[in-house]
Amino acid sequence: MDRAPTPLDQLLAAELDHARDLLIMMGDELAMSPEIVAEHGMALQAVDIVGQMIGHIANVVRAVDRPDAIERIGMGDLKAKLSAA
């Protein structure tokens, strides 16, 4: 189903992109410390996963064809949740 994204959709997607960028910068900064990586490696991986999720959600919010945008998501759990809506 095609529909033009509204100005609010565009703003929401842009804010999600900004939040993702901040999260990535934080993760990259923390990953520069071997001590932090050794102690919190799993948490850093979770930061990366959350960043990916935010990016996928932003793409769906801004998409003209949301079902197609959902279909292109590579994360199975997120795709399944959004496909059910």
Protein backbone atom coordinates (compact mmCIF):
# COMPACT_ATOMS: atom_id res chain seq x y z
CA MET A 1 0.00 0.00 0.00
CA ASP A 2 1.59 3.23 -1.15
CA ARG A 3 1.09 6.45 0.73
CA ALA A 4 3.06 9.62 0.91
CA PRO A 5 4.88 10.11 4.21
CA THR A 6 3.50 13.06 6.13
CA PRO A 7 5.70 15.89 7.39
CA LEU A 8 5.37 14.31 10.85
CA ASP A 9 6.56 10.96 9.46
CA GLN A 10 9.60 12.69 7.96
CA LEU A 11 10.38 14.50 11.23
CA LEU A 12 9.98 11.32 13.28
CA ALA A 13 12.26 9.41 10.92
CA ALA A 14 14.85 12.19 11.08
CA GLU A 15 14.77 12.18 14.89
CA LEU A 16 15.14 8.39 14.93
CA ASP A 17 18.11 8.71 12.58
CA HIS A 18 19.66 11.31 14.88
CA ALA A 19 19.12 9.09 17.95
CA ARG A 20 20.68 6.18 16.06
CA ASP A 21 23.69 8.30 15.12
CA LEU A 22 24.21 9.36 18.74
CA LEU A 23 23.94 5.75 19.89
CA ILE A 24 26.48 4.63 17.30
CA MET A 25 28.90 7.39 18.30
CA MET A 26 28.55 6.38 21.95
CA GLY A 27 29.13 2.71 21.13
CA ASP A 28 32.15 3.54 18.97
CA GLU A 29 33.64 5.69 21.73
CA LEU A 30 33.14 2.97 24.35
CA ALA A 31 34.52 0.30 22.02
CA MET A 32 37.83 2.17 21.86
CA SER A 33 38.60 1.07 25.40
CA PRO A 34 39.81 -2.54 25.63
CA GLU A 35 38.82 -2.60 29.29
CA ILE A 36 35.23 -1.60 28.55
CA VAL A 37 35.00 -4.08 25.67
CA ALA A 38 36.32 -6.87 27.88
CA GLU A 39 33.92 -6.04 30.71
CA HIS A 40 30.84 -4.99 28.71
CA GLY A 41 31.15 -6.62 25.29
CA MET A 42 27.62 -8.02 25.33
CA ALA A 43 26.18 -4.62 26.27
CA LEU A 44 28.09 -3.01 23.40
CA GLN A 45 26.61 -5.57 21.03
CA ALA A 46 23.16 -4.68 22.35
CA VAL A 47 23.87 -1.01 21.62
CA ASP A 48 24.67 -1.98 18.03
CA ILE A 49 21.49 -4.05 17.72
CA VAL A 50 19.34 -1.22 19.09
CA GLY A 51 20.94 1.14 16.58
CA GLN A 52 20.04 -1.23 13.76
CA MET A 53 16.47 -1.51 15.02
CA ILE A 54 16.09 2.26 15.21
CA GLY A 55 17.38 2.56 11.64
CA HIS A 56 14.91 -0.02 10.35
CA ILE A 57 12.02 1.65 12.17
CA ALA A 58 13.00 5.04 10.74
CA ASN A 59 13.01 3.54 7.25
CA VAL A 60 9.49 2.15 7.76
CA VAL A 61 8.20 5.47 9.14
CA ARG A 62 9.47 7.41 6.10
CA ALA A 63 8.57 4.77 3.49
CA VAL A 64 6.00 5.32 0.78
CA ASP A 65 5.41 1.55 0.71
CA ARG A 66 5.57 0.46 4.34
CA PRO A 67 4.91 -3.26 3.74
CA ASP A 68 7.85 -3.31 1.30
CA ALA A 69 10.05 -1.46 3.80
CA ILE A 70 9.13 -4.04 6.45
CA GLU A 71 9.89 -6.86 4.02
CA ARG A 72 13.41 -5.47 3.49
CA ILE A 73 14.21 -5.64 7.24
CA GLY A 74 16.90 -8.25 7.85
CA MET A 75 16.16 -8.68 11.55
CA GLY A 76 13.69 -11.57 11.75
CA ASP A 77 12.09 -10.72 15.10
CA LEU A 78 11.54 -7.08 14.23
CA LYS A 79 10.22 -7.97 10.77
CA ALA A 80 7.76 -10.47 12.28
CA LYS A 81 6.50 -7.96 14.85
CA LEU A 82 5.99 -5.22 12.28
CA SER A 83 4.50 -7.58 9.69
CA ALA A 84 1.81 -8.57 12.19
CA ALA A 85 0.51 -4.98 12.39
